[in-house]
Amino acid sequence: MDDSEFISLADKALDRIEQAIETSGADVDCSMTGDGVLEVECADGSKIIVNRHLAAREIWVAARAGGFHFRWSDEEWRDTRSGQELLASLSALLSAQSGEALTLG
């Protein structure tokens, strides 16, 4: 995968995440704060940051529970340690951090 293909795939994932959060009805705010950086703020002020990391060609997630790296594999983004799919992992992280049950995608 070259840089432009990675950026395209990662940006589509970030857009999908943003849309899923916005339509979830959860009490969280999300916005793109920079080139390839999505910031999600929970009602308690805590944040989850989702960004594309070009050098590693991964999507990185920073949450209260820790840092997670997702790599494109078999047509989806998978956690490099657990193998969990990105939206499923984010659903669990957001649910735990916001205190609201969330299912993204």
C-alpha atoms as a PDB file:
ATOM      1  CA  MET A   1       0.000   0.000   0.000  1.00  0.00           C
ATOM      2  CA  ASP A   2       1.401   3.397  -0.922  1.00  0.00           C
ATOM      3  CA  ASP A   3       0.936   6.642   1.025  1.00  0.00           C
ATOM      4  CA  SER A   4      -2.009   7.932  -1.027  1.00  0.00           C
ATOM      5  CA  GLU A   5      -3.897   4.633  -0.716  1.00  0.00           C
ATOM      6  CA  PHE A   6      -3.306   4.588   3.049  1.00  0.00           C
ATOM      7  CA  ILE A   7      -4.487   8.193   3.439  1.00  0.00           C
ATOM      8  CA  SER A   8      -7.615   7.459   1.407  1.00  0.00           C
ATOM      9  CA  LEU A   9      -8.491   4.343   3.431  1.00  0.00           C
ATOM     10  CA  ALA A  10      -7.728   6.015   6.766  1.00  0.00           C
ATOM     11  CA  ASP A  11      -9.714   9.148   5.921  1.00  0.00           C
ATOM     12  CA  LYS A  12     -12.715   7.016   4.920  1.00  0.00           C
ATOM     13  CA  ALA A  13     -12.463   5.231   8.277  1.00  0.00           C
ATOM     14  CA  LEU A  14     -12.247   8.525  10.187  1.00  0.00           C
ATOM     15  CA  ASP A  15     -15.267   9.903   8.299  1.00  0.00           C
ATOM     16  CA  ARG A  16     -17.209   6.704   9.036  1.00  0.00           C
ATOM     17  CA  ILE A  17     -16.314   6.916  12.732  1.00  0.00           C
ATOM     18  CA  GLU A  18     -17.338  10.569  12.912  1.00  0.00           C
ATOM     19  CA  GLN A  19     -20.685   9.844  11.218  1.00  0.00           C
ATOM     20  CA  ALA A  20     -21.365   6.843  13.458  1.00  0.00           C
ATOM     21  CA  ILE A  21     -20.671   8.870  16.605  1.00  0.00           C
ATOM     22  CA  GLU A  22     -22.768  11.821  15.452  1.00  0.00           C
ATOM     23  CA  THR A  23     -25.770   9.586  14.729  1.00  0.00           C
ATOM     24  CA  SER A  24     -25.384   7.470  17.878  1.00  0.00           C
ATOM     25  CA  GLY A  25     -27.305   9.874  20.094  1.00  0.00           C
ATOM     26  CA  ALA A  26     -24.579   9.625  22.746  1.00  0.00           C
ATOM     27  CA  ASP A  27     -23.619  12.629  24.842  1.00  0.00           C
ATOM     28  CA  VAL A  28     -20.228  13.032  23.166  1.00  0.00           C
ATOM     29  CA  ASP A  29     -18.840  15.661  20.820  1.00  0.00           C
ATOM     30  CA  CYS A  30     -16.543  14.826  17.953  1.00  0.00           C
ATOM     31  CA  SER A  31     -14.688  16.916  15.446  1.00  0.00           C
ATOM     32  CA  MET A  32     -11.806  16.740  13.058  1.00  0.00           C
ATOM     33  CA  THR A  33      -9.175  18.922  14.717  1.00  0.00           C
ATOM     34  CA  GLY A  34      -6.403  18.568  12.192  1.00  0.00           C
ATOM     35  CA  ASP A  35      -5.278  16.663   9.152  1.00  0.00           C
ATOM     36  CA  GLY A  36      -6.289  13.103   9.949  1.00  0.00           C
ATOM     37  CA  VAL A  37      -7.089  13.722  13.642  1.00  0.00           C
ATOM     38  CA  LEU A  38     -10.523  13.041  15.135  1.00  0.00           C
ATOM     39  CA  GLU A  39     -11.144  14.202  18.697  1.00  0.00           C
ATOM     40  CA  VAL A  40     -14.038  12.745  20.706  1.00  0.00           C
ATOM     41  CA  GLU A  41     -14.934  14.501  23.954  1.00  0.00           C
ATOM     42  CA  CYS A  42     -17.116  12.787  26.548  1.00  0.00           C
ATOM     43  CA  ALA A  43     -19.511  14.635  28.885  1.00  0.00           C
ATOM     44  CA  ASP A  44     -16.960  14.391  31.727  1.00  0.00           C
ATOM     45  CA  GLY A  45     -14.353  16.219  29.629  1.00  0.00           C
ATOM     46  CA  SER A  46     -12.223  13.153  28.900  1.00  0.00           C
ATOM     47  CA  LYS A  47     -11.153  12.599  25.314  1.00  0.00           C
ATOM     48  CA  ILE A  48     -10.460   9.834  22.856  1.00  0.00           C
ATOM     49  CA  ILE A  49      -8.192  10.760  19.967  1.00  0.00           C
ATOM     50  CA  VAL A  50      -8.255   8.816  16.704  1.00  0.00           C
ATOM     51  CA  ASN A  51      -5.640   9.670  14.106  1.00  0.00           C
ATOM     52  CA  ARG A  52      -3.910   8.308  11.080  1.00  0.00           C
ATOM     53  CA  HIS A  53      -0.199   7.702  11.434  1.00  0.00           C
ATOM     54  CA  LEU A  54       1.365   7.823   7.983  1.00  0.00           C
ATOM     55  CA  ALA A  55       4.849   6.548   8.875  1.00  0.00           C
ATOM     56  CA  ALA A  56       3.442   3.325  10.388  1.00  0.00           C
ATOM     57  CA  ARG A  57       0.441   3.240   8.015  1.00  0.00           C
ATOM     58  CA  GLU A  58      -1.829   2.677  10.992  1.00  0.00           C
ATOM     59  CA  ILE A  59      -4.778   4.316  12.700  1.00  0.00           C
ATOM     60  CA  TRP A  60      -3.903   5.112  16.299  1.00  0.00           C
ATOM     61  CA  VAL A  61      -6.395   5.483  19.141  1.00  0.00           C
ATOM     62  CA  ALA A  62      -5.559   7.153  22.452  1.00  0.00           C
ATOM     63  CA  ALA A  63      -8.119   6.574  25.206  1.00  0.00           C
ATOM     64  CA  ARG A  64      -8.219   6.473  28.981  1.00  0.00           C
ATOM     65  CA  ALA A  65      -7.771   2.682  28.670  1.00  0.00           C
ATOM     66  CA  GLY A  66      -4.514   3.080  26.723  1.00  0.00           C
ATOM     67  CA  GLY A  67      -3.118   3.373  23.233  1.00  0.00           C
ATOM     68  CA  PHE A  68      -4.158   1.126  20.352  1.00  0.00           C
ATOM     69  CA  HIS A  69      -2.821   0.673  16.828  1.00  0.00           C
ATOM     70  CA  PHE A  70      -4.923  -0.564  13.915  1.00  0.00           C
ATOM     71  CA  ARG A  71      -3.511  -1.852  10.635  1.00  0.00           C
ATOM     72  CA  TRP A  72      -5.387  -2.500   7.372  1.00  0.00           C
ATOM     73  CA  SER A  73      -5.813  -6.257   6.973  1.00  0.00           C
ATOM     74  CA  ASP A  74      -8.308  -8.329   4.982  1.00  0.00           C
ATOM     75  CA  GLU A  75     -10.365  -5.276   4.007  1.00  0.00           C
ATOM     76  CA  GLU A  76     -10.713  -3.835   7.535  1.00  0.00           C
ATOM     77  CA  TRP A  77      -8.755  -2.094  10.283  1.00  0.00           C
ATOM     78  CA  ARG A  78      -7.548  -4.570  12.935  1.00  0.00           C
ATOM     79  CA  ASP A  79      -5.858  -3.988  16.294  1.00  0.00           C
ATOM     80  CA  THR A  80      -2.227  -5.070  15.971  1.00  0.00           C
ATOM     81  CA  ARG A  81      -2.345  -6.816  19.369  1.00  0.00           C
ATOM     82  CA  SER A  82      -5.867  -8.180  19.885  1.00  0.00           C
ATOM     83  CA  GLY A  83      -7.012  -8.450  16.269  1.00  0.00           C
ATOM     84  CA  GLN A  84     -10.275  -6.675  17.163  1.00  0.00           C
ATOM     85  CA  GLU A  85     -11.902  -4.614  14.430  1.00  0.00           C
ATOM     86  CA  LEU A  86     -11.629  -0.810  14.764  1.00  0.00           C
ATOM     87  CA  LEU A  87     -15.320   0.095  15.135  1.00  0.00           C
ATOM     88  CA  ALA A  88     -15.940  -2.726  17.613  1.00  0.00           C
ATOM     89  CA  SER A  89     -12.950  -1.635  19.656  1.00  0.00           C
ATOM     90  CA  LEU A  90     -13.996   2.025  19.570  1.00  0.00           C
ATOM     91  CA  SER A  91     -17.532   1.058  20.593  1.00  0.00           C
ATOM     92  CA  ALA A  92     -16.162  -0.643  23.701  1.00  0.00           C
ATOM     93  CA  LEU A  93     -13.724   2.175  24.492  1.00  0.00           C
ATOM     94  CA  LEU A  94     -16.354   4.893  24.075  1.00  0.00           C
ATOM     95  CA  SER A  95     -18.930   2.952  26.087  1.00  0.00           C
ATOM     96  CA  ALA A  96     -16.491   2.477  28.951  1.00  0.00           C
ATOM     97  CA  GLN A  97     -15.182   6.030  28.903  1.00  0.00           C
ATOM     98  CA  SER A  98     -18.506   7.842  28.396  1.00  0.00           C
ATOM     99  CA  GLY A  99     -20.604   5.563  30.603  1.00  0.00           C
ATOM    100  CA  GLU A 100     -23.134   5.157  27.761  1.00  0.00           C
ATOM    101  CA  ALA A 101     -23.718   2.023  25.701  1.00  0.00           C
ATOM    102  CA  LEU A 102     -22.510   2.796  22.184  1.00  0.00           C
ATOM    103  CA  THR A 103     -22.375   0.636  19.101  1.00  0.00           C
ATOM    104  CA  LEU A 104     -20.613   2.105  16.090  1.00  0.00           C
ATOM    105  CA  GLY A 105     -21.338   0.393  12.808  1.00  0.00           C
END
